[in-house]
Amino acid sequence: MIIDKIKNAALYYGISKHMETALKYLQSRDFSQVEAGRYEIDGTDVFMLVQEYETRPLAKGRWEAHRNYYDIQFVVQGPERMGYTHLNNLEVTEPYNPEKDIMRLAGSGDFFLCEAGTFAIFGPEDAHMPNIAVEEPVAARKVVMKVRV
């Protein structure tokens, strides 16, 4: 797991060519007016999901993990808390679904604050719980880049 400000994204280009493509895309655009939805950047190797939602209480959060894609979660408007723990620290509640590249888990982990301009990269071993309210639920906007492993 990596957490940083988008201005420092170049530090992580070396992870893979797809990661570089995704991070450069995030750095080069203003997502405040982009319509919510799915957008292909480099076919199925790099695509993005622009999301608008209200952050939710921790009690309504759900742990998730992916096998085929890194998640780059870039907060455009927030703030929100995100949870993180290693996949092996949790119990599987919904087995891996290869069509949706997701498994659901239960347990506990650590949480960190993500404000506008912050991104977090979660790899296949990184269980995460996004969209958690800091204090009270707020309107949020985020870009999730899906980057093939």
Protein backbone atom coordinates (compact mmCIF):
# COMPACT_ATOMS: atom_id res chain seq x y z
CA MET A 1 0.00 0.00 0.00
CA ILE A 2 1.17 3.48 -0.88
CA ILE A 3 -0.37 6.80 0.18
CA ASP A 4 0.86 10.14 -1.14
CA LYS A 5 -0.13 13.45 -2.75
CA ILE A 6 -0.73 13.50 -6.51
CA LYS A 7 2.11 16.02 -6.96
CA ASN A 8 4.51 13.19 -5.94
CA ALA A 9 3.06 10.58 -8.32
CA ALA A 10 6.22 10.44 -10.46
CA LEU A 11 7.95 8.62 -7.59
CA TYR A 12 5.82 5.56 -8.40
CA TYR A 13 6.04 5.43 -12.21
CA GLY A 14 8.59 2.61 -11.94
CA ILE A 15 6.08 0.14 -10.52
CA SER A 16 4.94 -0.71 -14.06
CA LYS A 17 4.25 0.93 -17.42
CA HIS A 18 0.51 0.69 -16.71
CA MET A 19 0.99 2.37 -13.34
CA GLU A 20 2.89 5.20 -15.03
CA THR A 21 0.07 5.62 -17.58
CA ALA A 22 -2.55 5.80 -14.82
CA LEU A 23 -0.63 8.19 -12.58
CA LYS A 24 0.22 10.55 -15.46
CA TYR A 25 -3.44 10.57 -16.43
CA LEU A 26 -4.44 11.49 -12.87
CA GLN A 27 -1.85 14.28 -12.76
CA SER A 28 -2.90 15.82 -16.05
CA ARG A 29 -6.63 16.36 -15.54
CA ASP A 30 -9.15 18.22 -13.44
CA PHE A 31 -11.74 15.64 -12.39
CA SER A 32 -14.07 18.04 -10.60
CA GLN A 33 -16.40 18.25 -13.62
CA VAL A 34 -15.96 14.79 -15.18
CA GLU A 35 -19.23 12.89 -15.24
CA ALA A 36 -19.45 9.83 -12.99
CA GLY A 37 -18.90 6.58 -14.86
CA ARG A 38 -16.34 4.21 -16.34
CA TYR A 39 -13.70 5.39 -18.84
CA GLU A 40 -11.09 3.32 -20.67
CA ILE A 41 -7.60 4.81 -20.66
CA ASP A 42 -5.61 1.88 -22.14
CA GLY A 43 -8.19 -0.78 -22.93
CA THR A 44 -8.68 -3.22 -20.06
CA ASP A 45 -5.12 -2.63 -18.80
CA VAL A 46 -5.94 0.81 -17.37
CA PHE A 47 -9.43 2.18 -16.84
CA MET A 48 -11.02 4.57 -14.42
CA LEU A 49 -14.20 4.81 -12.42
CA VAL A 50 -15.32 8.32 -11.53
CA GLN A 51 -17.48 8.03 -8.41
CA GLU A 52 -19.75 10.39 -6.49
CA TYR A 53 -21.14 9.22 -3.15
CA GLU A 54 -21.64 10.10 0.47
CA THR A 55 -19.04 8.77 2.87
CA ARG A 56 -20.48 6.24 5.32
CA PRO A 57 -20.05 5.31 8.96
CA LEU A 58 -17.41 2.71 9.77
CA ALA A 59 -20.13 0.23 10.78
CA LYS A 60 -21.32 0.20 7.14
CA GLY A 61 -17.85 -0.26 5.65
CA ARG A 62 -16.79 -3.42 3.82
CA TRP A 63 -13.31 -4.83 3.31
CA GLU A 64 -12.38 -5.76 -0.25
CA ALA A 65 -9.39 -7.07 -2.19
CA HIS A 66 -8.57 -7.64 -5.86
CA ARG A 67 -6.25 -10.04 -7.71
CA ASN A 68 -5.94 -8.76 -11.26
CA TYR A 69 -5.82 -4.99 -10.73
CA TYR A 70 -4.16 -2.46 -8.49
CA ASP A 71 -6.58 0.16 -7.19
CA ILE A 72 -5.39 3.75 -7.27
CA GLN A 73 -7.95 5.66 -5.23
CA PHE A 74 -7.58 9.39 -5.87
CA VAL A 75 -9.71 11.69 -3.73
CA VAL A 76 -11.00 14.68 -5.71
CA GLN A 77 -13.42 15.92 -3.03
CA GLY A 78 -13.65 14.57 0.48
CA PRO A 79 -12.25 13.93 2.96
CA GLU A 80 -12.62 10.26 3.73
CA ARG A 81 -10.93 7.59 5.78
CA MET A 82 -9.64 4.43 4.17
CA GLY A 83 -8.86 1.18 5.90
CA TYR A 84 -5.89 -1.03 5.16
CA THR A 85 -4.58 -4.38 6.32
CA HIS A 86 -2.81 -7.32 4.75
CA LEU A 87 -5.18 -9.77 3.11
CA ASN A 88 -4.04 -12.58 5.43
CA ASN A 89 -5.27 -10.66 8.51
CA LEU A 90 -8.92 -10.98 7.48
CA GLU A 91 -11.52 -13.68 7.08
CA VAL A 92 -13.13 -14.23 3.66
CA THR A 93 -16.89 -13.56 3.75
CA GLU A 94 -17.50 -13.68 -0.02
CA PRO A 95 -15.09 -15.79 -2.10
CA TYR A 96 -13.16 -14.25 -4.96
CA ASN A 97 -15.36 -13.42 -7.95
CA PRO A 98 -13.11 -13.52 -11.05
CA GLU A 99 -15.67 -11.73 -13.24
CA LYS A 100 -15.72 -8.71 -10.91
CA ASP A 101 -12.15 -9.17 -9.59
CA ILE A 102 -13.24 -8.81 -5.98
CA MET A 103 -13.47 -10.69 -2.73
CA ARG A 104 -15.14 -9.45 0.45
CA LEU A 105 -13.60 -9.88 3.88
CA ALA A 106 -14.22 -9.21 7.56
CA GLY A 107 -11.95 -8.24 10.43
CA SER A 108 -10.06 -5.17 11.52
CA GLY A 109 -7.23 -3.02 10.23
CA ASP A 110 -5.73 0.45 10.35
CA PHE A 111 -7.31 3.63 8.98
CA PHE A 112 -5.82 6.78 7.49
CA LEU A 113 -7.14 10.12 6.29
CA CYS A 114 -7.38 10.96 2.58
CA GLU A 115 -8.06 14.57 1.69
CA ALA A 116 -8.50 16.06 -1.78
CA GLY A 117 -5.33 15.58 -3.81
CA THR A 118 -4.34 12.38 -1.99
CA PHE A 119 -4.09 8.98 -3.63
CA ALA A 120 -3.65 5.48 -2.26
CA ILE A 121 -2.39 2.47 -4.23
CA PHE A 122 -3.64 -0.94 -3.12
CA GLY A 123 -2.07 -4.11 -4.54
CA PRO A 124 -3.49 -7.64 -4.60
CA GLU A 125 -2.25 -8.37 -1.06
CA ASP A 126 -3.77 -5.14 0.30
CA ALA A 127 -7.27 -5.45 1.71
CA HIS A 128 -8.90 -2.03 1.89
CA MET A 129 -12.07 -0.34 3.08
CA PRO A 130 -12.76 2.91 1.21
CA ASN A 131 -15.46 5.60 1.54
CA ILE A 132 -15.51 5.89 5.35
CA ALA A 133 -16.66 9.15 6.95
CA VAL A 134 -14.11 11.09 8.99
CA GLU A 135 -16.71 12.35 11.47
CA GLU A 136 -20.03 12.89 9.73
CA PRO A 137 -20.91 11.66 6.22
CA VAL A 138 -20.01 14.17 3.49
CA ALA A 139 -20.42 14.35 -0.28
CA ALA A 140 -17.33 12.88 -1.91
CA ARG A 141 -15.88 12.50 -5.39
CA LYS A 142 -13.14 10.05 -6.23
CA VAL A 143 -11.39 8.55 -9.23
CA VAL A 144 -10.50 4.88 -8.93
CA MET A 145 -7.94 3.84 -11.50
CA LYS A 146 -7.87 0.10 -12.15
CA VAL A 147 -4.36 -0.90 -13.25
CA ARG A 148 -3.65 -4.44 -14.45
CA VAL A 149 -1.09 -6.20 -12.28
